[in-house]
């Protein structure tokens, strides 16, 4: 919520949204640490860190971005090395 207010102040050209791929990766790693922690204060710190990390990974929503797809060789259809992930 606070991050959305900060983003409004930055006057981005496009509307921004959370990068879902990065959010899943962050949650996948840090939620386990939070669940295993016995101390509730440390849990809160970890939870706030998760929220902050997710809020920092934002991407623009660009309207009318529908380009024709080119036919590629099936072996390089989904190159793992080119995907941005956590």
PDB file of N, CA and C in Angstrom:
ATOM      1  N   UNK A   1       0.825  -1.179   0.000  1.00  0.00           N
ATOM      2  CA  UNK A   1       0.000   0.000   0.000  1.00  0.00           C
ATOM      3  C   UNK A   1       0.877   1.253   0.000  1.00  0.00           C
ATOM      4  N   UNK A   2       1.879   1.272   0.870  1.00  0.00           N
ATOM      5  CA  UNK A   2       2.775   2.425   0.932  1.00  0.00           C
ATOM      6  C   UNK A   2       3.561   2.564  -0.367  1.00  0.00           C
ATOM      7  N   UNK A   3       3.943   1.416  -0.927  1.00  0.00           N
ATOM      8  CA  UNK A   3       4.715   1.442  -2.167  1.00  0.00           C
ATOM      9  C   UNK A   3       3.869   2.013  -3.299  1.00  0.00           C
ATOM     10  N   UNK A   4       2.573   1.724  -3.317  1.00  0.00           N
ATOM     11  CA  UNK A   4       1.699   2.273  -4.346  1.00  0.00           C
ATOM     12  C   UNK A   4       1.626   3.786  -4.237  1.00  0.00           C
ATOM     13  N   UNK A   5       1.592   4.306  -3.018  1.00  0.00           N
ATOM     14  CA  UNK A   5       1.571   5.750  -2.830  1.00  0.00           C
ATOM     15  C   UNK A   5       2.868   6.376  -3.316  1.00  0.00           C
ATOM     16  N   UNK A   6       3.991   5.705  -3.054  1.00  0.00           N
ATOM     17  CA  UNK A   6       5.284   6.214  -3.512  1.00  0.00           C
ATOM     18  C   UNK A   6       5.356   6.201  -5.036  1.00  0.00           C
ATOM     19  N   UNK A   7       4.800   5.136  -5.651  1.00  0.00           N
ATOM     20  CA  UNK A   7       4.825   5.028  -7.103  1.00  0.00           C
ATOM     21  C   UNK A   7       3.979   6.114  -7.753  1.00  0.00           C
ATOM     22  N   UNK A   8       2.882   6.494  -7.118  1.00  0.00           N
ATOM     23  CA  UNK A   8       2.048   7.568  -7.663  1.00  0.00           C
ATOM     24  C   UNK A   8       2.810   8.882  -7.672  1.00  0.00           C
ATOM     25  N   UNK A   9       3.658   9.081  -6.700  1.00  0.00           N
ATOM     26  CA  UNK A   9       4.420  10.317  -6.615  1.00  0.00           C
ATOM     27  C   UNK A   9       5.516  10.378  -7.673  1.00  0.00           C
ATOM     28  N   UNK A  10       5.959   9.234  -8.180  1.00  0.00           N
ATOM     29  CA  UNK A  10       7.045   9.213  -9.154  1.00  0.00           C
ATOM     30  C   UNK A  10       6.585   9.586 -10.562  1.00  0.00           C
ATOM     31  N   UNK A  11       5.288   9.609 -10.804  1.00  0.00           N
ATOM     32  CA  UNK A  11       4.732   9.984 -12.106  1.00  0.00           C
ATOM     33  C   UNK A  11       5.300   9.137 -13.239  1.00  0.00           C
ATOM     34  N   UNK A  12       5.074   7.844 -13.166  1.00  0.00           N
ATOM     35  CA  UNK A  12       5.496   6.951 -14.233  1.00  0.00           C
ATOM     36  C   UNK A  12       4.680   7.230 -15.488  1.00  0.00           C
ATOM     37  N   UNK A  13       5.266   6.907 -16.630  1.00  0.00           N
ATOM     38  CA  UNK A  13       4.564   7.092 -17.889  1.00  0.00           C
ATOM     39  C   UNK A  13       3.409   6.092 -18.004  1.00  0.00           C
ATOM     40  N   UNK A  14       3.635   4.862 -17.528  1.00  0.00           N
ATOM     41  CA  UNK A  14       2.628   3.811 -17.599  1.00  0.00           C
ATOM     42  C   UNK A  14       2.180   3.426 -16.192  1.00  0.00           C
ATOM     43  N   UNK A  15       1.032   2.791 -16.122  1.00  0.00           N
ATOM     44  CA  UNK A  15       0.576   2.242 -14.854  1.00  0.00           C
ATOM     45  C   UNK A  15       1.476   1.052 -14.515  1.00  0.00           C
ATOM     46  N   UNK A  16       1.847   0.928 -13.248  1.00  0.00           N
ATOM     47  CA  UNK A  16       2.786  -0.108 -12.841  1.00  0.00           C
ATOM     48  C   UNK A  16       2.062  -1.223 -12.091  1.00  0.00           C
ATOM     49  N   UNK A  17       2.611  -2.444 -12.184  1.00  0.00           N
ATOM     50  CA  UNK A  17       2.081  -3.589 -11.464  1.00  0.00           C
ATOM     51  C   UNK A  17       3.239  -4.436 -10.955  1.00  0.00           C
ATOM     52  N   UNK A  18       2.937  -5.342 -10.066  1.00  0.00           N
ATOM     53  CA  UNK A  18       3.957  -6.212  -9.485  1.00  0.00           C
ATOM     54  C   UNK A  18       4.390  -7.242 -10.520  1.00  0.00           C
ATOM     55  N   UNK A  19       5.691  -7.536 -10.555  1.00  0.00           N
ATOM     56  CA  UNK A  19       6.224  -8.592 -11.399  1.00  0.00           C
ATOM     57  C   UNK A  19       5.902  -9.924 -10.718  1.00  0.00           C
ATOM     58  N   UNK A  20       4.934 -10.649 -11.259  1.00  0.00           N
ATOM     59  CA  UNK A  20       4.423 -11.860 -10.622  1.00  0.00           C
ATOM     60  C   UNK A  20       5.490 -12.945 -10.558  1.00  0.00           C
ATOM     61  N   UNK A  21       6.307 -13.079 -11.595  1.00  0.00           N
ATOM     62  CA  UNK A  21       7.343 -14.102 -11.618  1.00  0.00           C
ATOM     63  C   UNK A  21       8.334 -13.895 -10.476  1.00  0.00           C
ATOM     64  N   UNK A  22       8.747 -12.663 -10.261  1.00  0.00           N
ATOM     65  CA  UNK A  22       9.673 -12.366  -9.170  1.00  0.00           C
ATOM     66  C   UNK A  22       8.986 -12.535  -7.819  1.00  0.00           C
ATOM     67  N   UNK A  23       7.716 -12.163  -7.722  1.00  0.00           N
ATOM     68  CA  UNK A  23       6.980 -12.292  -6.460  1.00  0.00           C
ATOM     69  C   UNK A  23       6.873 -13.754  -6.036  1.00  0.00           C
ATOM     70  N   UNK A  24       6.609 -14.631  -6.987  1.00  0.00           N
ATOM     71  CA  UNK A  24       6.520 -16.058  -6.673  1.00  0.00           C
ATOM     72  C   UNK A  24       7.860 -16.573  -6.168  1.00  0.00           C
ATOM     73  N   UNK A  25       8.944 -16.165  -6.808  1.00  0.00           N
ATOM     74  CA  UNK A  25      10.275 -16.598  -6.377  1.00  0.00           C
ATOM     75  C   UNK A  25      10.623 -16.102  -4.988  1.00  0.00           C
ATOM     76  N   UNK A  26      10.283 -14.862  -4.695  1.00  0.00           N
ATOM     77  CA  UNK A  26      10.568 -14.295  -3.374  1.00  0.00           C
ATOM     78  C   UNK A  26       9.765 -15.027  -2.307  1.00  0.00           C
ATOM     79  N   UNK A  27       8.488 -15.246  -2.565  1.00  0.00           N
ATOM     80  CA  UNK A  27       7.637 -15.937  -1.596  1.00  0.00           C
ATOM     81  C   UNK A  27       8.102 -17.376  -1.405  1.00  0.00           C
ATOM     82  N   UNK A  28       8.491 -18.017  -2.500  1.00  0.00           N
ATOM     83  CA  UNK A  28       8.909 -19.414  -2.440  1.00  0.00           C
ATOM     84  C   UNK A  28      10.085 -19.604  -1.481  1.00  0.00           C
ATOM     85  N   UNK A  29      11.013 -18.679  -1.479  1.00  0.00           N
ATOM     86  CA  UNK A  29      12.183 -18.807  -0.616  1.00  0.00           C
ATOM     87  C   UNK A  29      11.930 -18.300   0.798  1.00  0.00           C
ATOM     88  N   UNK A  30      11.385 -17.114   0.919  1.00  0.00           N
ATOM     89  CA  UNK A  30      11.322 -16.462   2.223  1.00  0.00           C
ATOM     90  C   UNK A  30      10.160 -16.929   3.090  1.00  0.00           C
ATOM     91  N   UNK A  31       9.096 -17.421   2.500  1.00  0.00           N
ATOM     92  CA  UNK A  31       7.958 -17.868   3.289  1.00  0.00           C
ATOM     93  C   UNK A  31       8.322 -19.093   4.124  1.00  0.00           C
ATOM     94  N   UNK A  32       9.203 -19.929   3.612  1.00  0.00           N
ATOM     95  CA  UNK A  32       9.661 -21.101   4.361  1.00  0.00           C
ATOM     96  C   UNK A  32      10.430 -20.659   5.600  1.00  0.00           C
ATOM     97  N   UNK A  33      11.312 -19.671   5.431  1.00  0.00           N
ATOM     98  CA  UNK A  33      12.074 -19.159   6.574  1.00  0.00           C
ATOM     99  C   UNK A  33      11.132 -18.558   7.618  1.00  0.00           C
ATOM    100  N   UNK A  34      10.107 -17.886   7.152  1.00  0.00           N
ATOM    101  CA  UNK A  34       9.157 -17.267   8.072  1.00  0.00           C
ATOM    102  C   UNK A  34       8.363 -18.335   8.832  1.00  0.00           C
ATOM    103  N   UNK A  35       7.972 -19.391   8.148  1.00  0.00           N
ATOM    104  CA  UNK A  35       7.190 -20.448   8.789  1.00  0.00           C
ATOM    105  C   UNK A  35       8.015 -21.221   9.817  1.00  0.00           C
ATOM    106  N   UNK A  36       9.304 -21.357   9.575  1.00  0.00           N
ATOM    107  CA  UNK A  36      10.161 -22.107  10.490  1.00  0.00           C
ATOM    108  C   UNK A  36      10.612 -21.287  11.694  1.00  0.00           C
ATOM    109  N   UNK A  37      10.433 -19.995  11.642  1.00  0.00           N
ATOM    110  CA  UNK A  37      10.880 -19.116  12.734  1.00  0.00           C
ATOM    111  C   UNK A  37       9.915 -19.202  13.913  1.00  0.00           C
ATOM    112  N   UNK A  38      10.475 -19.374  15.118  1.00  0.00           N
ATOM    113  CA  UNK A  38       9.656 -19.461  16.331  1.00  0.00           C
ATOM    114  C   UNK A  38       9.342 -18.090  16.919  1.00  0.00           C
ATOM    115  N   UNK A  39      10.261 -17.172  16.792  1.00  0.00           N
ATOM    116  CA  UNK A  39      10.104 -15.841  17.370  1.00  0.00           C
ATOM    117  C   UNK A  39       9.144 -15.013  16.508  1.00  0.00           C
ATOM    118  N   UNK A  40       8.079 -14.491  17.117  1.00  0.00           N
ATOM    119  CA  UNK A  40       7.082 -13.739  16.346  1.00  0.00           C
ATOM    120  C   UNK A  40       7.621 -12.400  15.855  1.00  0.00           C
ATOM    121  N   UNK A  41       8.534 -11.797  16.596  1.00  0.00           N
ATOM    122  CA  UNK A  41       9.114 -10.525  16.148  1.00  0.00           C
ATOM    123  C   UNK A  41       9.940 -10.725  14.883  1.00  0.00           C
ATOM    124  N   UNK A  42      10.701 -11.814  14.847  1.00  0.00           N
ATOM    125  CA  UNK A  42      11.498 -12.106  13.652  1.00  0.00           C
ATOM    126  C   UNK A  42      10.591 -12.437  12.470  1.00  0.00           C
ATOM    127  N   UNK A  43       9.460 -13.104  12.752  1.00  0.00           N
ATOM    128  CA  UNK A  43       8.493 -13.389  11.688  1.00  0.00           C
ATOM    129  C   UNK A  43       7.973 -12.098  11.070  1.00  0.00           C
ATOM    130  N   UNK A  44       7.654 -11.143  11.911  1.00  0.00           N
ATOM    131  CA  UNK A  44       7.158  -9.861  11.412  1.00  0.00           C
ATOM    132  C   UNK A  44       8.208  -9.157  10.566  1.00  0.00           C
ATOM    133  N   UNK A  45       9.467  -9.226  10.992  1.00  0.00           N
ATOM    134  CA  UNK A  45      10.554  -8.603  10.230  1.00  0.00           C
ATOM    135  C   UNK A  45      10.692  -9.279   8.873  1.00  0.00           C
ATOM    136  N   UNK A  46      10.641 -10.608   8.861  1.00  0.00           N
ATOM    137  CA  UNK A  46      10.747 -11.351   7.604  1.00  0.00           C
ATOM    138  C   UNK A  46       9.558 -11.029   6.704  1.00  0.00           C
ATOM    139  N   UNK A  47       8.356 -10.957   7.284  1.00  0.00           N
ATOM    140  CA  UNK A  47       7.158 -10.648   6.500  1.00  0.00           C
ATOM    141  C   UNK A  47       7.258  -9.267   5.864  1.00  0.00           C
ATOM    142  N   UNK A  48       7.712  -8.284   6.632  1.00  0.00           N
ATOM    143  CA  UNK A  48       7.870  -6.933   6.091  1.00  0.00           C
ATOM    144  C   UNK A  48       8.924  -6.903   4.989  1.00  0.00           C
ATOM    145  N   UNK A  49       9.984  -7.702   5.150  1.00  0.00           N
ATOM    146  CA  UNK A  49      11.021  -7.775   4.115  1.00  0.00           C
ATOM    147  C   UNK A  49      10.469  -8.399   2.836  1.00  0.00           C
ATOM    148  N   UNK A  50       9.611  -9.407   2.978  1.00  0.00           N
ATOM    149  CA  UNK A  50       8.983 -10.036   1.810  1.00  0.00           C
ATOM    150  C   UNK A  50       8.120  -9.020   1.073  1.00  0.00           C
ATOM    151  N   UNK A  51       7.294  -8.297   1.810  1.00  0.00           N
ATOM    152  CA  UNK A  51       6.409  -7.300   1.205  1.00  0.00           C
ATOM    153  C   UNK A  51       7.222  -6.219   0.505  1.00  0.00           C
ATOM    154  N   UNK A  52       8.295  -5.767   1.130  1.00  0.00           N
ATOM    155  CA  UNK A  52       9.133  -4.720   0.545  1.00  0.00           C
ATOM    156  C   UNK A  52       9.821  -5.213  -0.728  1.00  0.00           C
ATOM    157  N   UNK A  53      10.326  -6.452  -0.707  1.00  0.00           N
ATOM    158  CA  UNK A  53      10.999  -7.005  -1.882  1.00  0.00           C
ATOM    159  C   UNK A  53      10.032  -7.154  -3.051  1.00  0.00           C
ATOM    160  N   UNK A  54       8.815  -7.588  -2.768  1.00  0.00           N
ATOM    161  CA  UNK A  54       7.808  -7.729  -3.826  1.00  0.00           C
ATOM    162  C   UNK A  54       7.420  -6.361  -4.368  1.00  0.00           C
ATOM    163  N   UNK A  55       7.259  -5.389  -3.484  1.00  0.00           N
ATOM    164  CA  UNK A  55       6.851  -4.047  -3.907  1.00  0.00           C
ATOM    165  C   UNK A  55       7.929  -3.351  -4.729  1.00  0.00           C
ATOM    166  N   UNK A  56       9.182  -3.725  -4.546  1.00  0.00           N
ATOM    167  CA  UNK A  56      10.269  -3.106  -5.309  1.00  0.00           C
ATOM    168  C   UNK A  56      10.375  -3.648  -6.729  1.00  0.00           C
ATOM    169  N   UNK A  57       9.806  -4.815  -6.997  1.00  0.00           N
ATOM    170  CA  UNK A  57       9.860  -5.417  -8.327  1.00  0.00           C
ATOM    171  C   UNK A  57       8.574  -5.107  -9.076  1.00  0.00           C
ATOM    172  N   UNK A  58       8.549  -3.963  -9.745  1.00  0.00           N
ATOM    173  CA  UNK A  58       7.367  -3.561 -10.493  1.00  0.00           C
ATOM    174  C   UNK A  58       7.710  -3.437 -11.976  1.00  0.00           C
ATOM    175  N   UNK A  59       6.713  -3.656 -12.793  1.00  0.00           N
ATOM    176  CA  UNK A  59       6.878  -3.551 -14.240  1.00  0.00           C
ATOM    177  C   UNK A  59       5.725  -2.720 -14.801  1.00  0.00           C
ATOM    178  N   UNK A  60       5.943  -2.032 -15.933  1.00  0.00           N
ATOM    179  CA  UNK A  60       4.872  -1.212 -16.509  1.00  0.00           C
ATOM    180  C   UNK A  60       3.842  -2.055 -17.258  1.00  0.00           C
ATOM    181  N   UNK A  61       2.607  -1.573 -17.257  1.00  0.00           N
ATOM    182  CA  UNK A  61       1.548  -2.172 -18.070  1.00  0.00           C
ATOM    183  C   UNK A  61       1.447  -1.317 -19.322  1.00  0.00           C
ATOM    184  N   UNK A  62       1.844  -1.867 -20.440  1.00  0.00           N
ATOM    185  CA  UNK A  62       1.823  -1.117 -21.702  1.00  0.00           C
ATOM    186  C   UNK A  62       0.600  -1.547 -22.512  1.00  0.00           C
ATOM    187  N   UNK A  63      -0.218  -0.591 -22.869  1.00  0.00           N
ATOM    188  CA  UNK A  63      -1.428  -0.870 -23.639  1.00  0.00           C
ATOM    189  C   UNK A  63      -1.075  -1.139 -25.105  1.00  0.00           C
ATOM    190  N   UNK A  64      -1.928  -1.916 -25.770  1.00  0.00           N
ATOM    191  CA  UNK A  64      -1.814  -2.198 -27.211  1.00  0.00           C
ATOM    192  C   UNK A  64      -0.458  -2.781 -27.584  1.00  0.00           C
ATOM    193  N   UNK A  65       0.016  -3.748 -26.818  1.00  0.00           N
ATOM    194  CA  UNK A  65       1.290  -4.396 -27.114  1.00  0.00           C
ATOM    195  C   UNK A  65       1.028  -5.787 -27.675  1.00  0.00           C
ATOM    196  N   UNK A  66       0.450  -5.853 -28.835  1.00  0.00           N
ATOM    197  CA  UNK A  66       0.142  -7.123 -29.467  1.00  0.00           C
ATOM    198  C   UNK A  66       0.884  -7.179 -30.797  1.00  0.00           C
ATOM    199  N   UNK A  67       2.045  -7.784 -30.772  1.00  0.00           N
ATOM    200  CA  UNK A  67       2.856  -7.889 -31.973  1.00  0.00           C
ATOM    201  C   UNK A  67       2.723  -9.293 -32.545  1.00  0.00           C
ATOM    202  N   UNK A  68       2.840  -9.429 -33.871  1.00  0.00           N
ATOM    203  CA  UNK A  68       2.754 -10.768 -34.469  1.00  0.00           C
ATOM    204  C   UNK A  68       3.914 -11.643 -34.002  1.00  0.00           C
ATOM    205  N   UNK A  69       3.606 -12.896 -33.743  1.00  0.00           N
ATOM    206  CA  UNK A  69       4.628 -13.830 -33.285  1.00  0.00           C
ATOM    207  C   UNK A  69       5.324 -14.461 -34.475  1.00  0.00           C
ATOM    208  N   UNK A  70       6.633 -14.571 -34.375  1.00  0.00           N
ATOM    209  CA  UNK A  70       7.394 -15.207 -35.445  1.00  0.00           C
ATOM    210  C   UNK A  70       7.560 -16.686 -35.126  1.00  0.00           C
ATOM    211  N   UNK A  71       7.559 -17.509 -36.167  1.00  0.00           N
ATOM    212  CA  UNK A  71       7.727 -18.949 -35.990  1.00  0.00           C
ATOM    213  C   UNK A  71       9.204 -19.230 -35.740  1.00  0.00           C
ATOM    214  N   UNK A  72       9.482 -19.958 -34.673  1.00  0.00           N
ATOM    215  CA  UNK A  72      10.860 -20.282 -34.318  1.00  0.00           C
ATOM    216  C   UNK A  72      11.029 -21.793 -34.255  1.00  0.00           C
ATOM    217  N   UNK A  73      12.272 -22.193 -34.240  1.00  0.00           N
ATOM    218  CA  UNK A  73      12.587 -23.608 -34.096  1.00  0.00           C
ATOM    219  C   UNK A  73      12.110 -24.078 -32.717  1.00  0.00           C
ATOM    220  N   UNK A  74      11.469 -25.253 -32.616  1.00  0.00           N
ATOM    221  CA  UNK A  74      10.929 -25.699 -31.329  1.00  0.00           C
ATOM    222  C   UNK A  74      11.981 -25.832 -30.222  1.00  0.00           C
ATOM    223  N   UNK A  75      13.209 -26.092 -30.584  1.00  0.00           N
ATOM    224  CA  UNK A  75      14.248 -26.278 -29.569  1.00  0.00           C
ATOM    225  C   UNK A  75      14.549 -24.977 -28.833  1.00  0.00           C
ATOM    226  N   UNK A  76      14.334 -23.849 -29.499  1.00  0.00           N
ATOM    227  CA  UNK A  76      14.607 -22.565 -28.848  1.00  0.00           C
ATOM    228  C   UNK A  76      13.311 -21.793 -28.581  1.00  0.00           C
ATOM    229  N   UNK A  77      12.224 -22.524 -28.455  1.00  0.00           N
ATOM    230  CA  UNK A  77      10.933 -21.883 -28.266  1.00  0.00           C
ATOM    231  C   UNK A  77      10.847 -21.151 -26.931  1.00  0.00           C
ATOM    232  N   UNK A  78      11.330 -21.776 -25.883  1.00  0.00           N
ATOM    233  CA  UNK A  78      11.320 -21.174 -24.550  1.00  0.00           C
ATOM    234  C   UNK A  78      12.723 -21.243 -23.950  1.00  0.00           C
ATOM    235  N   UNK A  79      13.617 -20.365 -24.365  1.00  0.00           N
ATOM    236  CA  UNK A  79      14.984 -20.444 -23.833  1.00  0.00           C
ATOM    237  C   UNK A  79      15.027 -20.050 -22.357  1.00  0.00           C
ATOM    238  N   UNK A  80      15.443 -20.976 -21.542  1.00  0.00           N
ATOM    239  CA  UNK A  80      15.487 -20.758 -20.099  1.00  0.00           C
ATOM    240  C   UNK A  80      16.503 -19.677 -19.747  1.00  0.00           C
ATOM    241  N   UNK A  81      17.566 -19.582 -20.503  1.00  0.00           N
ATOM    242  CA  UNK A  81      18.614 -18.615 -20.179  1.00  0.00           C
ATOM    243  C   UNK A  81      18.179 -17.179 -20.415  1.00  0.00           C
ATOM    244  N   UNK A  82      17.127 -16.964 -21.160  1.00  0.00           N
ATOM    245  CA  UNK A  82      16.663 -15.610 -21.455  1.00  0.00           C
ATOM    246  C   UNK A  82      15.553 -15.142 -20.523  1.00  0.00           C
ATOM    247  N   UNK A  83      14.966 -16.055 -19.747  1.00  0.00           N
ATOM    248  CA  UNK A  83      13.871 -15.692 -18.857  1.00  0.00           C
ATOM    249  C   UNK A  83      14.402 -15.049 -17.594  1.00  0.00           C
ATOM    250  N   UNK A  84      13.762 -13.980 -17.167  1.00  0.00           N
ATOM    251  CA  UNK A  84      14.129 -13.341 -15.908  1.00  0.00           C
ATOM    252  C   UNK A  84      13.310 -13.988 -14.806  1.00  0.00           C
ATOM    253  N   UNK A  85      13.983 -14.598 -13.892  1.00  0.00           N
ATOM    254  CA  UNK A  85      13.280 -15.218 -12.771  1.00  0.00           C
ATOM    255  C   UNK A  85      14.127 -15.094 -11.530  1.00  0.00           C
ATOM    256  N   UNK A  86      13.561 -15.492 -10.436  1.00  0.00           N
ATOM    257  CA  UNK A  86      14.238 -15.326  -9.162  1.00  0.00           C
ATOM    258  C   UNK A  86      15.233 -16.415  -8.938  1.00  0.00           C
TER     259      UNK A  86
END
